[in-house]
Amino acid sequence: MDNAENIINFIRETLSELPDVKEKKMFQGIAFMVNDKLCIAVRKDTLLCRIGAQQADEELEQGFCIPMINNGRTMKDFVYVDLDSLTGNRQLPYWINLCLQFNPEAKASRKKK
């Protein structure tokens, strides 16, 4: 089992106690939706974390992640974390908690008709 699969399983286990969690194939990987909002995703060698603009700025200053850029536009609430930088599963709970803390404030995407 590779590192991404281990991380997906750890996130799945961590979020299993929450009432409204869904998994979706997105961003060439697996995204975890909490309360119908993208919370965290794993793709190839990166973790996509939705942590809010203010927290993202703080984390970017420390150099532990990079901004998410989509179609040339920086997505201010999101950051990418290199999976190889998550030693053991020690730092993974930190990122999951940041995502869960921001989730109540996050806007849900518009439903497609």
Protein backbone atom coordinates (compact mmCIF):
# COMPACT_ATOMS: atom_id res chain seq x y z
CA MET A 1 0.00 0.00 0.00
CA ASP A 2 1.45 3.40 -0.93
CA ASN A 3 1.65 6.55 1.16
CA ALA A 4 -1.45 8.13 -0.44
CA GLU A 5 -3.54 5.04 0.30
CA ASN A 6 -2.37 5.02 3.93
CA ILE A 7 -3.28 8.70 4.27
CA ILE A 8 -6.71 8.18 2.68
CA ASN A 9 -7.39 5.36 5.14
CA PHE A 10 -6.24 7.49 8.09
CA ILE A 11 -8.52 10.38 7.03
CA ARG A 12 -11.42 7.96 6.45
CA GLU A 13 -10.94 6.54 9.96
CA THR A 14 -10.61 9.99 11.53
CA LEU A 15 -13.78 11.34 9.88
CA SER A 16 -15.82 8.16 10.43
CA GLU A 17 -17.36 9.52 13.65
CA LEU A 18 -18.80 12.61 11.94
CA PRO A 19 -22.47 12.51 10.85
CA ASP A 20 -22.22 13.90 7.28
CA VAL A 21 -19.09 12.72 5.45
CA LYS A 22 -18.99 11.62 1.83
CA GLU A 23 -16.12 10.54 -0.38
CA LYS A 24 -15.95 11.73 -3.98
CA LYS A 25 -13.49 11.22 -6.79
CA MET A 26 -12.18 14.72 -7.46
CA PHE A 27 -8.90 16.44 -8.34
CA GLN A 28 -7.46 13.16 -9.66
CA GLY A 29 -7.87 11.64 -6.21
CA ILE A 30 -10.28 11.20 -3.31
CA ALA A 31 -12.02 14.20 -1.73
CA PHE A 32 -13.77 14.12 1.61
CA MET A 33 -16.92 16.22 1.78
CA VAL A 34 -18.09 17.26 5.25
CA ASN A 35 -21.58 18.78 5.44
CA ASP A 36 -21.67 18.85 1.61
CA LYS A 37 -18.52 21.02 1.51
CA LEU A 38 -15.07 20.05 0.30
CA CYS A 39 -12.96 19.59 3.43
CA ILE A 40 -9.79 17.68 2.50
CA ALA A 41 -8.56 15.68 -0.49
CA VAL A 42 -5.71 13.34 -1.34
CA ARG A 43 -4.28 13.22 -4.83
CA LYS A 44 -1.13 11.44 -6.00
CA ASP A 45 1.53 13.08 -3.83
CA THR A 46 -0.36 16.00 -2.27
CA LEU A 47 -2.96 16.71 0.37
CA LEU A 48 -5.44 19.48 -0.52
CA CYS A 49 -6.55 21.25 2.64
CA ARG A 50 -9.40 23.78 2.86
CA ILE A 51 -8.35 25.82 5.88
CA GLY A 52 -9.49 29.37 5.14
CA ALA A 53 -7.54 32.37 3.87
CA GLN A 54 -6.22 33.58 7.23
CA GLN A 55 -4.94 30.15 8.32
CA ALA A 56 -3.56 29.52 4.82
CA ASP A 57 -1.52 32.74 5.04
CA GLU A 58 -0.08 31.64 8.40
CA GLU A 59 0.83 28.17 7.12
CA LEU A 60 2.31 29.53 3.88
CA GLU A 61 4.56 31.87 5.91
CA GLN A 62 5.93 28.85 7.76
CA GLY A 63 6.69 27.12 4.46
CA PHE A 64 4.90 23.82 5.18
CA CYS A 65 2.59 24.09 2.17
CA ILE A 66 2.04 25.82 -1.16
CA PRO A 67 -0.99 27.77 -2.43
CA MET A 68 -3.58 26.08 -4.61
CA ILE A 69 -3.60 27.71 -8.04
CA ASN A 70 -6.49 26.86 -10.35
CA ASN A 71 -6.57 28.25 -13.90
CA GLY A 72 -4.00 30.87 -12.94
CA ARG A 73 -6.02 32.03 -9.92
CA THR A 74 -4.89 31.48 -6.32
CA MET A 75 -7.61 29.77 -4.33
CA LYS A 76 -7.19 31.64 -1.04
CA ASP A 77 -8.90 29.11 1.27
CA PHE A 78 -6.88 26.12 0.02
CA VAL A 79 -3.30 24.87 0.32
CA TYR A 80 -1.38 21.83 -0.90
CA VAL A 81 0.77 19.83 1.51
CA ASP A 82 3.38 17.41 0.16
CA LEU A 83 2.47 13.90 1.36
CA ASP A 84 6.14 13.07 1.92
CA SER A 85 6.36 15.89 4.48
CA LEU A 86 3.77 14.12 6.67
CA THR A 87 6.08 11.97 8.79
CA GLY A 88 4.32 8.98 10.26
CA ASN A 89 0.80 10.21 10.89
CA ARG A 90 1.98 12.81 13.35
CA GLN A 91 1.30 15.91 11.26
CA LEU A 92 -1.73 14.58 9.41
CA PRO A 93 -4.10 15.07 12.39
CA TYR A 94 -2.97 18.72 12.54
CA TRP A 95 -4.06 19.35 8.93
CA ILE A 96 -7.30 17.38 9.33
CA ASN A 97 -8.17 19.46 12.41
CA LEU A 98 -7.48 22.73 10.56
CA CYS A 99 -9.83 21.60 7.78
CA LEU A 100 -12.55 20.60 10.24
CA GLN A 101 -12.24 23.89 12.14
CA PHE A 102 -12.78 25.89 8.94
CA ASN A 103 -15.58 23.66 7.59
CA PRO A 104 -18.49 25.43 9.41
CA GLU A 105 -17.38 28.76 7.83
CA ALA A 106 -16.74 27.35 4.36
CA LYS A 107 -19.28 28.06 1.66
CA ALA A 108 -20.95 25.09 0.03
CA SER A 109 -20.57 24.93 -3.73
CA ARG A 110 -23.66 25.55 -5.79
CA LYS A 111 -25.63 22.43 -6.61
CA LYS A 112 -25.72 21.54 -10.30
CA LYS A 113 -29.20 21.24 -11.77
